[in-house]
Amino acid sequence: MKLYLTIFLLSTLLIFISCNKVKEDSHIKNYFNEITQSCIKIQLGYFDLNAFKGDTNINWVRPRKITPQNNDSPRMYLDDVGSEIISFHNGMIK
């Protein structure tokens, strides 16, 4: 349960960090950096939104894959452009 809460809080922080006003807030930036360096792993990559729908058309997005530091589960994919959750723990959302 603690891992799910951590990922949820970090996804919320990622969404806020993407806003220009929050980028200027040093307190939130420091808190975000502390968590990301000690608790989670964030990787950029590419994700085909149509892969699990059986659609042959490719719909690429560039998400951030967020996982706990020493485990690959639970995992969340967060759209890097729109800051929307694409998938959380193998459940497609978008």
Protein backbone atom coordinates (compact mmCIF):
# COMPACT_ATOMS: atom_id res chain seq x y z
CA MET A 1 0.00 0.00 0.00
CA LYS A 2 2.86 2.36 0.80
CA LEU A 3 4.28 1.90 -2.73
CA TYR A 4 0.93 2.79 -4.31
CA LEU A 5 0.70 5.91 -2.19
CA THR A 6 4.26 6.91 -3.09
CA ILE A 7 3.58 6.52 -6.82
CA PHE A 8 0.31 8.43 -6.54
CA LEU A 9 2.00 11.31 -4.71
CA LEU A 10 4.84 11.39 -7.20
CA SER A 11 2.50 11.41 -10.17
CA THR A 12 0.74 14.36 -8.61
CA LEU A 13 4.09 16.10 -8.13
CA LEU A 14 5.06 15.42 -11.74
CA ILE A 15 1.85 17.02 -12.93
CA PHE A 16 2.45 20.05 -10.73
CA ILE A 17 6.11 20.31 -11.75
CA SER A 18 5.01 20.57 -15.38
CA CYS A 19 3.24 23.85 -14.57
CA ASN A 20 5.41 26.94 -14.99
CA LYS A 21 4.39 28.51 -11.68
CA VAL A 22 5.45 25.45 -9.70
CA LYS A 23 8.78 25.26 -11.53
CA GLU A 24 9.64 28.51 -9.78
CA ASP A 25 8.82 27.11 -6.30
CA SER A 26 12.14 25.94 -4.81
CA HIS A 27 10.45 24.10 -1.90
CA ILE A 28 8.50 21.81 -4.23
CA LYS A 29 11.53 21.30 -6.49
CA ASN A 30 13.68 20.26 -3.50
CA TYR A 31 11.00 17.90 -2.20
CA PHE A 32 10.57 16.36 -5.66
CA ASN A 33 14.34 15.87 -6.09
CA GLU A 34 14.68 14.25 -2.66
CA ILE A 35 11.94 11.72 -3.39
CA THR A 36 13.08 10.90 -6.91
CA GLN A 37 16.65 10.25 -5.79
CA SER A 38 15.76 7.96 -2.89
CA CYS A 39 12.41 6.28 -3.61
CA ILE A 40 11.57 6.00 -7.28
CA LYS A 41 12.99 5.46 -10.73
CA ILE A 42 11.79 7.57 -13.68
CA GLN A 43 12.55 6.60 -17.29
CA LEU A 44 11.51 8.27 -20.54
CA GLY A 45 10.44 6.09 -23.45
CA TYR A 46 7.82 5.51 -26.12
CA PHE A 47 4.43 3.82 -25.72
CA ASP A 48 1.92 2.77 -28.40
CA LEU A 49 -1.55 3.58 -27.05
CA ASN A 50 -3.16 1.26 -29.61
CA ALA A 51 -1.01 -1.79 -28.79
CA PHE A 52 -3.46 -3.22 -26.25
CA LYS A 53 -6.59 -2.32 -28.21
CA GLY A 54 -5.88 -4.56 -31.21
CA ASP A 55 -5.66 -1.51 -33.47
CA THR A 56 -2.98 -1.80 -36.18
CA ASN A 57 -2.53 1.97 -36.42
CA ILE A 58 0.37 3.21 -34.32
CA ASN A 59 -0.34 5.97 -31.81
CA TRP A 60 2.99 6.84 -30.17
CA VAL A 61 3.23 8.93 -27.02
CA ARG A 62 6.33 9.77 -25.00
CA PRO A 63 5.64 8.79 -21.39
CA ARG A 64 7.60 8.67 -18.18
CA LYS A 65 7.70 5.21 -16.62
CA ILE A 66 7.62 5.56 -12.84
CA THR A 67 8.48 2.61 -10.58
CA PRO A 68 9.80 2.08 -7.05
CA GLN A 69 13.61 2.25 -6.90
CA ASN A 70 14.23 -1.50 -6.40
CA ASN A 71 11.17 -3.04 -8.05
CA ASP A 72 9.38 -2.96 -11.39
CA SER A 73 5.93 -3.11 -9.85
CA PRO A 74 3.73 -1.20 -9.35
CA ARG A 75 4.45 0.93 -12.36
CA MET A 76 2.81 3.97 -13.87
CA TYR A 77 3.13 5.56 -17.30
CA LEU A 78 2.60 9.32 -17.31
CA ASP A 79 2.28 11.23 -20.61
CA ASP A 80 5.25 13.58 -20.82
CA VAL A 81 3.39 16.15 -22.94
CA GLY A 82 -0.07 16.30 -21.40
CA SER A 83 0.84 15.05 -17.88
CA GLU A 84 -2.02 12.52 -18.02
CA ILE A 85 -1.81 9.04 -16.52
CA ILE A 86 -1.71 6.50 -19.37
CA SER A 87 -1.50 3.33 -17.31
CA PHE A 88 -1.22 2.44 -13.65
CA HIS A 89 -0.17 -1.05 -12.55
CA ASN A 90 -1.07 -2.74 -15.88
CA GLY A 91 -4.49 -1.11 -16.15
CA MET A 92 -4.95 1.08 -19.23
CA ILE A 93 -6.49 4.44 -18.33
CA LYS A 94 -6.08 6.61 -21.41
